[in-house]
């Protein structure tokens, strides 16, 4: 059996919980009914019929989304290309250049392949690792299928041994053309 003091404490606790529950329910049902902005009726545009307004806005949104996707695709391709193209080791025998040939347009790819075929790696150990810090799309012309991108890179260079490392920052300018709907690098210039 419960003592009278325990019963009284339980009764006070139950009454308090019940009062809080009733207050919460009253607040829920009696609060002002405010529509969110996304559901509020929009004011009609006087200069254009309502049906054309939605269509034009939708087209602009789709164009903006497409441009954003194209820019993101271009930035991603630039970063991938720069980090592979700019990283080299005498032990890899120009594997960095062979890896990026599929990312190049036909003429730049052919010139790079000719360089790789004719080149001989230096006898002394040399390696450079390139990391992209930032990507800037300078010019992008979808209609012409051309673009120019500048990348800021950090390059760790080792000469003679892996312990003799120096760090430098260098910009790389890439020009792109579209081939079969895909951005391809047509030139790469260290600035």
Foldseek 3Di string as FASTA:
>chain_A
DDDPVVVVVVVVVVVVVVVVVVVVVCCVVPPDDDDPPVPDDDDADPVDHPVVVVVVVVVVVVVVVVVVVVVVQVQVLVQVLCQLCVWDWLVVLCVSLVVQLVQAPDVVSVVSVVCSVPDHRDPAIKTKGKHWDDKDWPDDDVVQQKTKMKTKIKMWMDTRDPVRIDIDIWIKIWMWGDDPNHTHTHDIDID
